[in-house]
Amino acid sequence: MKRLLFILILTTVAYSGFGQKLPANLTDKDSILVTGKILGFKRGEHESFVKIITFDVSGNRDNHAFQVASDGSFEGLVFQPFAGDIELNYGDGYVSAVAKPGGHLQLEIDTQKLGKERSYTDAFVCKGEFAGFNHLFLQFQNELRRKDFATQANPGDKRLSDSDFASLRLKLLKEQLALLDTFIGNSKVQNEDFGKWQKNQLTYMAAREILLHPFFGKVNETISHETLQSLIGSIPIENAEAFNNSAYYEFLNRLSYGYLIMLAINPEYAVLKEENGNSPVTGSLPLIDKVSDGLVKQLMYYNVYASQFDARARANVVAGAVFSAVIDNPVLQNKFEKLSASINKGFPSFHIISQIRESKASDSLKVNLIRIFEKLQGTSVFIDFWGDWCAPCMMEMPGYPKLISAFEGKPIKFVFFSVKTKEQGVQRVKEKYKINGDFINLTNDEAAILNNVFKFHSYPSHFVVNSEGYVVGSHVKRVEEIGKILSI
């Protein structure tokens, strides 16, 4: 499904007071209140959930779904540690909104205009003192969408070398920034914060994609930190004015993760790795030291630490105390300490059916999901949440026949829950890759409920369920890991 993403800036404080200086922008105390109204809402005809996505300090997404009341109203609290953009989805409409911790977002969505207008100029409306600013931001995103840029750059195009893709993406960025300058001039925009914020968002979206290309579906044993630096060109790694942009946090996380991969696969770093505990985790820290300082360095240290899903690997890293010695920002320090404390606690298992029943969704929306999981009880289950629009999801599909065959004759089922995918697309994927599993196509409302239950933040997402219906593991896909968790 083609998704349309527009930036709608919504805030209840003056944009000039939005603030772009840290550490004040990092907080772990204040939530964002989101309220709104779906105009023309009809139960059974329109989707019953509004989805909101926030970002953490690593740029990871946190999904929330709030049920729409019979009168079309919705309300919820979400948390984001910095003042910046969050995403909101209703139906086929996707918008991004800048919100401030402790603030209040108020939104109206007109279902009739949502269905008729692909630009969504009037379908999404923010009322209040700063409605003019909101409309301005939405207008620019419409301009960005309508513009037929001379340059195109697809990060999933494996035919392009890393340098060729980077060159194309930087050229496209230049065209996008030129459009921004034209828009500011034609619209007589007086507030400099608008231009700064939008420029940073465009810039680090480009940088994030450039850093993705060297590792997308391939293993490049020659990639180095000098190579990554040359690919992003003049885009600065440290930028104090970009701490209000989710794309900047995603960029820093992608760079941190790139260093980890390099240390793991490039023989050039064997000595560096050996000098730092023979681990790509600690070995990547000297590289981070070379390119960052202050809060950026702390963010990248935290990214490296948090990227390790194996609890024992994290324990080995902590033994050096290198992370706690660097991370002193109060918010990051608190997150680091909580993560450290969770190492020996194991996976927080939960009973799926009980969680569905306890969710705030209406009973009519829960019935089918409860029925599905009741039928699965009595056997272990491997769950994959996926969509045919998700490139990483599709890259995994060819490997499933081998994984499933490894458990032939054992008490386990493989269930594939598709999201925002047409039934024909589901069957096409199943038949193309000859996957011997159960494929279940979720409605958008069912997907929203399961997102709240499983609390996953991206696609694909994998979970392991025991025969009693408890989720006992996630982020696993290797035969040995699954077998060990389920004892089969």
Protein backbone atom coordinates (compact mmCIF):
# COMPACT_ATOMS: atom_id res chain seq x y z
CA MET A 1 0.00 0.00 0.00
CA LYS A 2 1.32 3.36 -0.97
CA ARG A 3 1.56 5.54 2.08
CA LEU A 4 1.32 9.28 1.97
CA LEU A 5 3.30 11.04 4.66
CA PHE A 6 2.83 14.68 5.38
CA ILE A 7 4.33 16.85 8.08
CA LEU A 8 1.68 18.67 10.06
CA ILE A 9 3.19 20.72 12.84
CA LEU A 10 0.89 20.83 15.83
CA THR A 11 1.74 22.40 19.16
CA THR A 12 0.02 24.29 21.93
CA VAL A 13 3.01 26.53 22.59
CA ALA A 14 4.47 29.21 20.37
CA TYR A 15 6.74 27.68 17.76
CA SER A 16 9.33 30.33 18.51
CA GLY A 17 9.48 28.78 21.97
CA PHE A 18 9.84 25.27 20.61
CA GLY A 19 13.47 25.19 21.72
CA GLN A 20 16.40 23.51 19.98
CA LYS A 21 18.98 23.31 22.74
CA LEU A 22 19.82 20.31 24.87
CA PRO A 23 19.87 18.97 27.54
CA ALA A 24 16.55 20.71 28.23
CA ASN A 25 14.96 18.86 25.30
CA LEU A 26 15.52 15.43 26.87
CA THR A 27 12.98 14.53 29.51
CA ASP A 28 11.63 11.39 31.13
CA LYS A 29 8.84 13.05 33.09
CA ASP A 30 6.20 14.68 30.88
CA SER A 31 3.80 12.92 28.53
CA ILE A 32 1.99 14.38 25.53
CA LEU A 33 -1.80 14.51 25.66
CA VAL A 34 -3.36 13.78 22.28
CA THR A 35 -7.08 14.43 21.81
CA GLY A 36 -9.16 14.68 18.70
CA LYS A 37 -12.34 14.06 16.79
CA ILE A 38 -13.07 11.94 13.72
CA LEU A 39 -15.74 13.93 11.89
CA GLY A 40 -18.38 11.74 10.24
CA PHE A 41 -17.23 8.65 12.13
CA LYS A 42 -19.46 5.58 11.75
CA ARG A 43 -18.75 2.40 13.68
CA GLY A 44 -18.26 -0.51 11.29
CA GLU A 45 -17.66 1.78 8.33
CA HIS A 46 -14.53 3.56 9.51
CA GLU A 47 -11.46 2.30 11.34
CA SER A 48 -11.86 2.13 15.11
CA PHE A 49 -8.31 3.09 16.08
CA VAL A 50 -6.07 6.11 15.71
CA LYS A 51 -2.41 5.11 15.64
CA ILE A 52 0.32 7.33 17.06
CA ILE A 53 4.05 6.65 16.74
CA THR A 54 6.59 8.30 19.01
CA PHE A 55 10.39 8.03 18.95
CA ASP A 56 12.92 7.25 21.65
CA VAL A 57 16.47 8.60 21.96
CA SER A 58 17.68 5.91 19.55
CA GLY A 59 15.12 6.87 16.92
CA ASN A 60 13.25 3.62 17.54
CA ARG A 61 9.50 3.80 17.06
CA ASP A 62 6.97 3.18 19.80
CA ASN A 63 3.48 2.38 18.50
CA HIS A 64 0.28 3.33 20.29
CA ALA A 65 -3.32 2.71 19.25
CA PHE A 66 -6.29 4.55 20.78
CA GLN A 67 -9.85 3.43 20.15
CA VAL A 68 -12.29 5.94 18.68
CA ALA A 69 -15.45 6.41 20.77
CA SER A 70 -18.90 6.17 19.23
CA ASP A 71 -19.04 9.97 18.95
CA GLY A 72 -15.76 10.00 17.00
CA SER A 73 -13.59 11.32 19.82
CA PHE A 74 -10.25 9.85 20.84
CA GLU A 75 -7.78 10.58 23.60
CA GLY A 76 -4.48 9.20 24.81
CA LEU A 77 -1.18 9.92 26.50
CA VAL A 78 2.07 9.19 24.68
CA PHE A 79 5.66 9.72 25.71
CA GLN A 80 8.60 11.05 23.76
CA PRO A 81 11.81 12.22 25.46
CA PHE A 82 12.34 15.20 23.18
CA ALA A 83 10.28 17.97 21.62
CA GLY A 84 9.93 16.93 18.00
CA ASP A 85 7.92 15.08 15.41
CA ILE A 86 5.57 12.21 16.12
CA GLU A 87 3.52 10.33 13.53
CA LEU A 88 -0.24 9.85 13.41
CA ASN A 89 -2.16 7.44 11.21
CA TYR A 90 -5.86 7.10 10.56
CA GLY A 91 -7.07 5.03 7.64
CA ASP A 92 -4.85 5.69 4.65
CA GLY A 93 -3.75 9.06 6.00
CA TYR A 94 -0.32 9.47 7.56
CA VAL A 95 0.79 12.78 9.05
CA SER A 96 3.64 13.83 11.29
CA ALA A 97 3.15 16.30 14.10
CA VAL A 98 5.67 18.17 16.19
CA ALA A 99 4.72 17.89 19.85
CA LYS A 100 6.28 19.04 23.09
CA PRO A 101 6.51 16.91 26.25
CA GLY A 102 3.90 18.26 28.62
CA GLY A 103 1.95 19.69 25.68
CA HIS A 104 -1.47 18.95 24.21
CA LEU A 105 -2.13 18.03 20.58
CA GLN A 106 -5.66 18.69 19.33
CA LEU A 107 -6.65 17.27 15.97
CA GLU A 108 -9.73 16.96 13.79
CA ILE A 109 -9.91 14.43 10.95
CA ASP A 110 -12.68 14.76 8.37
CA THR A 111 -13.52 11.31 6.98
CA GLN A 112 -15.17 12.72 3.85
CA LYS A 113 -12.19 14.86 2.93
CA LEU A 114 -9.83 12.07 3.92
CA GLY A 115 -11.40 9.86 1.29
CA LYS A 116 -11.59 12.49 -1.45
CA GLU A 117 -8.42 14.54 -1.07
CA ARG A 118 -5.08 12.83 -1.45
CA SER A 119 -3.35 16.03 -0.35
CA TYR A 120 -5.22 16.05 2.99
CA THR A 121 -4.92 19.85 3.09
CA ASP A 122 -8.22 20.17 4.97
CA ALA A 123 -8.74 16.56 6.08
CA PHE A 124 -6.38 17.05 9.04
CA VAL A 125 -6.95 20.27 10.97
CA CYS A 126 -5.39 21.64 14.12
CA LYS A 127 -7.43 24.35 15.79
CA GLY A 128 -6.03 26.98 18.07
CA GLU A 129 -3.73 29.96 18.19
CA PHE A 130 -1.12 28.40 15.91
CA ALA A 131 -3.36 26.94 13.22
CA GLY A 132 -1.60 29.18 10.68
CA PHE A 133 1.76 27.56 11.39
CA ASN A 134 0.19 24.12 11.14
CA HIS A 135 -1.28 24.90 7.74
CA LEU A 136 2.07 26.26 6.57
CA PHE A 137 3.89 23.04 7.38
CA LEU A 138 1.22 20.91 5.73
CA GLN A 139 1.40 23.07 2.63
CA PHE A 140 5.14 22.50 2.28
CA GLN A 141 4.76 18.75 2.56
CA ASN A 142 2.12 18.86 -0.14
CA GLU A 143 4.58 20.78 -2.30
CA LEU A 144 7.23 18.16 -1.55
CA ARG A 145 4.89 15.32 -2.53
CA ARG A 146 3.71 16.95 -5.74
CA LYS A 147 7.17 17.92 -6.94
CA ASP A 148 8.54 15.71 -9.70
CA PHE A 149 12.21 15.77 -8.76
CA ALA A 150 14.75 15.21 -11.51
CA THR A 151 16.72 12.84 -9.27
CA GLN A 152 15.39 9.60 -7.79
CA ALA A 153 17.22 7.48 -5.20
CA ASN A 154 15.96 4.14 -3.88
CA PRO A 155 17.96 2.77 -0.90
CA GLY A 156 16.80 -0.75 -1.78
CA ASP A 157 18.32 -0.62 -5.27
CA LYS A 158 21.17 -3.14 -5.02
CA ARG A 159 22.36 -2.34 -8.54
CA LEU A 160 23.86 0.91 -7.31
CA SER A 161 27.20 1.02 -5.56
CA ASP A 162 27.24 2.70 -2.16
CA SER A 163 29.01 5.76 -3.56
CA ASP A 164 26.64 6.02 -6.53
CA PHE A 165 23.58 5.84 -4.29
CA ALA A 166 25.05 8.40 -1.88
CA SER A 167 25.76 10.74 -4.77
CA LEU A 168 22.19 10.42 -6.06
CA ARG A 169 20.67 10.85 -2.60
CA LEU A 170 22.71 13.98 -1.89
CA LYS A 171 21.69 15.36 -5.28
CA LEU A 172 18.04 14.69 -4.44
CA LEU A 173 18.53 16.39 -1.07
CA LYS A 174 19.89 19.47 -2.84
CA GLU A 175 16.73 19.60 -4.98
CA GLN A 176 14.53 19.19 -1.89
CA LEU A 177 16.31 22.00 -0.05
CA ALA A 178 15.97 24.23 -3.10
CA LEU A 179 12.22 23.58 -3.04
CA LEU A 180 12.18 24.50 0.65
CA ASP A 181 13.96 27.81 -0.05
CA THR A 182 11.48 28.59 -2.84
CA PHE A 183 8.54 27.76 -0.60
CA ILE A 184 9.86 29.98 2.21
CA GLY A 185 10.34 32.85 -0.22
CA ASN A 186 6.98 32.52 -1.94
CA SER A 187 5.11 32.07 1.34
CA LYS A 188 7.01 34.95 2.97
CA VAL A 189 7.80 32.79 6.00
CA GLN A 190 9.20 34.99 8.76
CA ASN A 191 9.97 32.41 11.45
CA GLU A 192 13.48 31.00 10.98
CA ASP A 193 12.69 27.95 13.13
CA PHE A 194 10.48 26.54 10.36
CA GLY A 195 13.30 26.54 7.83
CA LYS A 196 15.86 25.17 10.29
CA TRP A 197 13.65 22.33 11.47
CA GLN A 198 12.52 21.30 8.00
CA LYS A 199 16.07 21.50 6.61
CA ASN A 200 17.36 19.25 9.38
CA GLN A 201 14.57 16.75 8.84
CA LEU A 202 15.25 16.51 5.10
CA THR A 203 19.01 16.36 5.64
CA TYR A 204 19.04 13.56 8.19
CA MET A 205 16.40 11.55 6.36
CA ALA A 206 18.88 11.55 3.46
CA ALA A 207 21.83 10.71 5.73
CA ARG A 208 19.90 7.86 7.32
CA GLU A 209 19.16 6.33 3.91
CA ILE A 210 22.77 6.73 2.80
CA LEU A 211 23.96 4.79 5.86
CA LEU A 212 21.35 2.10 5.27
CA HIS A 213 22.45 1.28 1.72
CA PRO A 214 25.85 -0.35 2.54
CA PHE A 215 24.15 -2.91 4.80
CA PHE A 216 20.82 -3.42 3.04
CA GLY A 217 20.57 -7.09 2.09
CA LYS A 218 24.29 -7.58 1.60
CA VAL A 219 27.54 -8.25 3.45
CA ASN A 220 30.36 -5.83 2.64
CA GLU A 221 33.50 -6.96 4.46
CA THR A 222 35.48 -3.93 3.27
CA ILE A 223 33.21 -1.22 4.68
CA SER A 224 35.06 1.13 7.04
CA HIS A 225 34.29 4.16 9.17
CA GLU A 226 36.20 6.34 6.67
CA THR A 227 33.90 5.01 3.94
CA LEU A 228 30.77 5.87 5.90
CA GLN A 229 32.11 9.34 6.61
CA SER A 230 32.84 9.94 2.93
CA LEU A 231 29.38 8.73 1.89
CA ILE A 232 27.51 11.31 3.98
CA GLY A 233 29.81 14.04 2.72
CA SER A 234 29.44 17.37 4.50
CA ILE A 235 26.43 16.33 6.59
CA PRO A 236 27.58 16.92 10.18
CA ILE A 237 27.46 14.10 12.72
CA GLU A 238 27.19 16.65 15.52
CA ASN A 239 24.37 19.15 15.10
CA ALA A 240 22.93 20.84 18.19
CA GLU A 241 20.07 22.28 16.12
CA ALA A 242 18.80 18.83 15.08
CA PHE A 243 17.88 17.43 18.49
CA ASN A 244 14.21 18.14 17.74
CA ASN A 245 14.23 15.89 14.66
CA SER A 246 13.47 12.18 14.90
CA ALA A 247 15.49 11.68 11.70
CA TYR A 248 18.61 12.87 13.54
CA TYR A 249 18.20 10.28 16.30
CA GLU A 250 17.60 7.61 13.65
CA PHE A 251 20.74 8.76 11.82
CA LEU A 252 22.89 8.50 14.96
CA ASN A 253 21.50 5.04 15.66
CA ARG A 254 22.19 3.92 12.10
CA LEU A 255 25.77 5.21 12.34
CA SER A 256 26.30 3.43 15.67
CA TYR A 257 24.91 0.20 14.26
CA GLY A 258 27.10 0.58 11.17
CA TYR A 259 30.18 0.67 13.39
CA LEU A 260 29.05 -2.53 15.11
CA ILE A 261 28.64 -4.35 11.80
CA MET A 262 32.02 -3.14 10.55
CA LEU A 263 33.79 -4.43 13.65
CA ALA A 264 32.06 -7.78 13.28
CA ILE A 265 32.80 -8.47 9.60
CA ASN A 266 35.79 -6.37 8.46
CA PRO A 267 39.18 -8.07 9.13
CA GLU A 268 40.78 -4.62 9.11
CA TYR A 269 39.39 -4.06 12.61
CA ALA A 270 40.66 -7.33 14.11
CA VAL A 271 43.40 -5.62 16.13
CA LEU A 272 41.10 -2.84 17.35
CA LYS A 273 38.54 -5.43 18.40
CA GLU A 274 41.19 -7.51 20.19
CA GLU A 275 42.45 -4.44 22.05
CA ASN A 276 38.93 -3.79 23.32
CA GLY A 277 37.82 -7.09 24.79
CA ASN A 278 37.58 -8.89 21.44
CA SER A 279 34.06 -7.53 21.06
CA PRO A 280 32.59 -5.40 18.26
CA VAL A 281 30.58 -3.61 20.95
CA THR A 282 33.52 -2.24 22.94
CA GLY A 283 35.66 -2.12 19.80
CA SER A 284 33.29 0.39 18.20
CA LEU A 285 33.65 2.89 21.04
CA PRO A 286 37.06 4.31 19.95
CA LEU A 287 35.51 5.01 16.53
CA ILE A 288 32.62 6.83 18.18
CA ASP A 289 35.13 8.84 20.24
CA LYS A 290 36.73 10.08 17.00
CA VAL A 291 33.57 11.55 15.53
CA SER A 292 31.52 12.75 18.50
CA ASP A 293 31.57 14.49 21.83
CA GLY A 294 29.15 15.57 24.53
CA LEU A 295 25.55 14.42 24.24
CA VAL A 296 26.01 13.00 20.73
CA LYS A 297 28.75 10.73 22.04
CA GLN A 298 26.52 9.64 24.92
CA LEU A 299 23.66 8.89 22.53
CA MET A 300 25.90 6.75 20.33
CA TYR A 301 27.33 4.91 23.35
CA TYR A 302 23.80 4.21 24.51
CA ASN A 303 22.81 3.04 21.01
CA VAL A 304 25.67 0.55 20.94
CA TYR A 305 24.79 -0.75 24.38
CA ALA A 306 21.05 -1.00 23.72
CA SER A 307 21.55 -2.75 20.37
CA GLN A 308 22.69 -5.92 22.10
CA PHE A 309 19.68 -8.20 22.57
CA ASP A 310 21.72 -11.03 24.08
CA ALA A 311 21.67 -10.45 27.85
CA ARG A 312 24.98 -12.25 28.41
CA ALA A 313 26.68 -10.12 25.76
CA ARG A 314 25.46 -7.00 27.54
CA ALA A 315 26.79 -8.32 30.84
CA ASN A 316 30.25 -8.73 29.31
CA VAL A 317 30.17 -5.16 28.06
CA VAL A 318 29.08 -3.74 31.39
CA ALA A 319 32.04 -5.37 33.12
CA GLY A 320 34.30 -2.72 31.56
CA ALA A 321 32.20 0.13 32.99
CA VAL A 322 32.99 2.11 29.85
CA PHE A 323 29.38 3.06 29.26
CA SER A 324 28.53 4.27 32.75
CA ALA A 325 31.73 6.33 32.75
CA VAL A 326 30.58 8.28 29.67
CA ILE A 327 26.80 8.46 29.98
CA ASP A 328 26.03 11.23 32.47
CA ASN A 329 22.99 12.94 30.92
CA PRO A 330 20.24 12.31 33.54
CA VAL A 331 17.71 10.92 31.05
CA LEU A 332 20.20 8.67 29.26
CA GLN A 333 21.70 7.62 32.58
CA ASN A 334 18.28 6.58 33.85
CA LYS A 335 17.56 4.60 30.67
CA PHE A 336 20.99 2.97 30.82
CA GLU A 337 20.54 1.93 34.45
CA LYS A 338 17.10 0.44 33.74
CA LEU A 339 18.50 -1.48 30.80
CA SER A 340 21.41 -2.73 32.90
CA ALA A 341 19.07 -3.84 35.67
CA SER A 342 17.00 -5.87 33.18
CA ILE A 343 19.91 -8.06 32.06
CA ASN A 344 19.33 -10.96 34.43
CA LYS A 345 15.54 -10.72 34.61
CA GLY A 346 14.91 -12.68 31.43
CA PHE A 347 12.13 -12.12 28.92
CA PRO A 348 8.96 -10.61 30.47
CA SER A 349 6.49 -13.28 29.34
CA PHE A 350 2.75 -12.61 29.08
CA HIS A 351 -0.40 -14.56 28.22
CA ILE A 352 -1.75 -13.43 24.85
CA ILE A 353 -5.46 -14.16 25.32
CA SER A 354 -5.48 -12.56 28.78
CA GLN A 355 -3.82 -9.44 27.39
CA ILE A 356 -6.34 -9.22 24.55
CA ARG A 357 -9.25 -9.54 26.98
CA GLU A 358 -7.78 -6.84 29.23
CA SER A 359 -7.18 -4.42 26.36
CA LYS A 360 -9.39 -1.34 26.11
CA ALA A 361 -10.77 -2.37 22.72
CA SER A 362 -14.47 -3.17 22.42
CA ASP A 363 -15.49 -6.82 22.83
CA SER A 364 -16.71 -7.02 19.23
CA LEU A 365 -13.18 -6.27 18.00
CA LYS A 366 -11.58 -8.85 20.31
CA VAL A 367 -13.74 -11.87 19.42
CA ASN A 368 -11.92 -13.00 16.28
CA LEU A 369 -8.45 -12.53 17.78
CA ILE A 370 -9.35 -14.55 20.88
CA ARG A 371 -10.72 -17.30 18.63
CA ILE A 372 -7.47 -17.38 16.61
CA PHE A 373 -5.22 -17.75 19.65
CA GLU A 374 -7.53 -20.25 21.37
CA LYS A 375 -7.08 -22.55 18.35
CA LEU A 376 -3.30 -22.21 18.65
CA GLN A 377 -3.14 -23.26 22.30
CA GLY A 378 -1.66 -26.69 22.93
CA THR A 379 1.27 -26.23 20.56
CA SER A 380 4.25 -23.89 20.40
CA VAL A 381 4.01 -21.04 17.89
CA PHE A 382 6.46 -18.87 15.99
CA ILE A 383 4.80 -15.57 15.00
CA ASP A 384 5.89 -13.19 12.26
CA PHE A 385 4.19 -9.80 11.81
CA TRP A 386 4.82 -8.67 8.24
CA GLY A 387 3.48 -6.79 5.21
CA ASP A 388 4.17 -6.98 1.48
CA TRP A 389 5.02 -3.25 1.54
CA CYS A 390 7.87 -3.92 4.00
CA ALA A 391 11.19 -4.54 2.23
CA PRO A 392 12.93 -6.22 5.23
CA CYS A 393 9.88 -8.48 5.63
CA MET A 394 10.09 -9.62 2.02
CA MET A 395 13.84 -10.20 2.29
CA GLU A 396 13.18 -12.75 5.05
CA MET A 397 10.58 -14.79 3.19
CA PRO A 398 12.96 -16.95 1.09
CA GLY A 399 14.56 -18.29 4.28
CA TYR A 400 11.39 -19.55 5.94
CA PRO A 401 11.04 -22.93 4.15
CA LYS A 402 14.44 -23.97 5.52
CA LEU A 403 13.61 -22.72 9.03
CA ILE A 404 10.24 -24.49 9.06
CA SER A 405 11.68 -27.76 7.72
CA ALA A 406 14.20 -27.77 10.60
CA PHE A 407 11.27 -28.25 13.00
CA GLU A 408 9.47 -30.90 10.96
CA GLY A 409 7.76 -33.41 13.25
CA LYS A 410 8.05 -31.14 16.29
CA PRO A 411 5.10 -29.50 18.11
CA ILE A 412 5.36 -26.01 16.65
CA LYS A 413 3.34 -23.96 14.18
CA PHE A 414 4.51 -21.00 12.12
CA VAL A 415 1.94 -18.20 11.89
CA PHE A 416 2.32 -15.17 9.65
CA PHE A 417 0.13 -12.18 10.54
CA SER A 418 -0.01 -9.77 7.59
CA VAL A 419 -0.78 -6.08 8.10
CA LYS A 420 -2.10 -3.59 5.53
CA THR A 421 -1.76 -6.24 2.83
CA LYS A 422 -4.43 -7.38 0.38
CA GLU A 423 -5.52 -11.01 0.48
CA GLN A 424 -4.18 -11.58 -3.04
CA GLY A 425 -0.79 -10.30 -1.90
CA VAL A 426 -0.78 -12.69 1.05
CA GLN A 427 -1.50 -15.70 -1.13
CA ARG A 428 1.06 -14.59 -3.72
CA VAL A 429 3.82 -14.45 -1.09
CA LYS A 430 2.85 -17.82 0.41
CA GLU A 431 2.84 -19.54 -2.98
CA LYS A 432 5.93 -17.80 -4.37
CA TYR A 433 8.17 -18.82 -1.47
CA LYS A 434 6.40 -22.15 -0.78
CA ILE A 435 6.02 -21.40 2.92
CA ASN A 436 4.28 -24.15 4.87
CA GLY A 437 2.71 -21.96 7.54
CA ASP A 438 -0.59 -20.39 8.57
CA PHE A 439 -1.15 -16.99 6.94
CA ILE A 440 -3.70 -14.73 8.64
CA ASN A 441 -4.54 -11.33 7.18
CA LEU A 442 -5.38 -8.84 9.93
CA THR A 443 -7.77 -5.93 9.65
CA ASN A 444 -6.30 -2.56 10.59
CA ASP A 445 -8.24 -2.65 13.87
CA GLU A 446 -6.99 -6.16 14.71
CA ALA A 447 -3.43 -5.09 13.91
CA ALA A 448 -3.82 -2.11 16.25
CA ILE A 449 -5.00 -4.35 19.10
CA LEU A 450 -2.14 -6.83 18.64
CA ASN A 451 0.32 -3.98 18.42
CA ASN A 452 -0.82 -2.86 21.87
CA VAL A 453 -0.66 -6.44 23.18
CA PHE A 454 2.74 -7.44 21.77
CA LYS A 455 4.19 -3.90 21.96
CA PHE A 456 6.31 -4.26 18.85
CA HIS A 457 7.64 -1.18 17.12
CA SER A 458 8.64 -2.21 13.62
CA TYR A 459 8.11 -4.72 10.84
CA PRO A 460 9.01 -7.51 10.66
CA SER A 461 8.63 -8.52 14.31
CA HIS A 462 8.99 -12.07 15.60
CA PHE A 463 7.71 -13.76 18.75
CA VAL A 464 7.88 -17.25 20.23
CA VAL A 465 4.85 -18.61 22.11
CA ASN A 466 4.78 -21.73 24.29
CA SER A 467 2.02 -24.36 24.28
CA GLU A 468 0.19 -22.60 27.13
CA GLY A 469 -0.21 -19.41 25.11
CA TYR A 470 2.53 -17.35 26.79
CA VAL A 471 4.92 -15.23 24.74
CA VAL A 472 8.35 -16.36 25.93
CA GLY A 473 10.74 -14.74 23.47
CA SER A 474 11.18 -12.13 20.75
CA HIS A 475 13.79 -10.97 18.24
CA VAL A 476 14.71 -14.59 17.51
CA LYS A 477 14.77 -16.41 14.18
CA ARG A 478 17.57 -18.96 14.38
CA VAL A 479 16.78 -22.65 14.78
CA GLU A 480 18.99 -22.98 17.86
CA GLU A 481 17.43 -19.98 19.62
CA ILE A 482 13.85 -21.08 18.98
CA GLY A 483 14.56 -24.66 20.01
CA LYS A 484 16.30 -23.57 23.21
CA ILE A 485 13.52 -21.21 24.27
CA LEU A 486 10.79 -23.80 23.65
CA SER A 487 12.85 -26.86 24.67
CA ILE A 488 11.95 -28.72 21.48
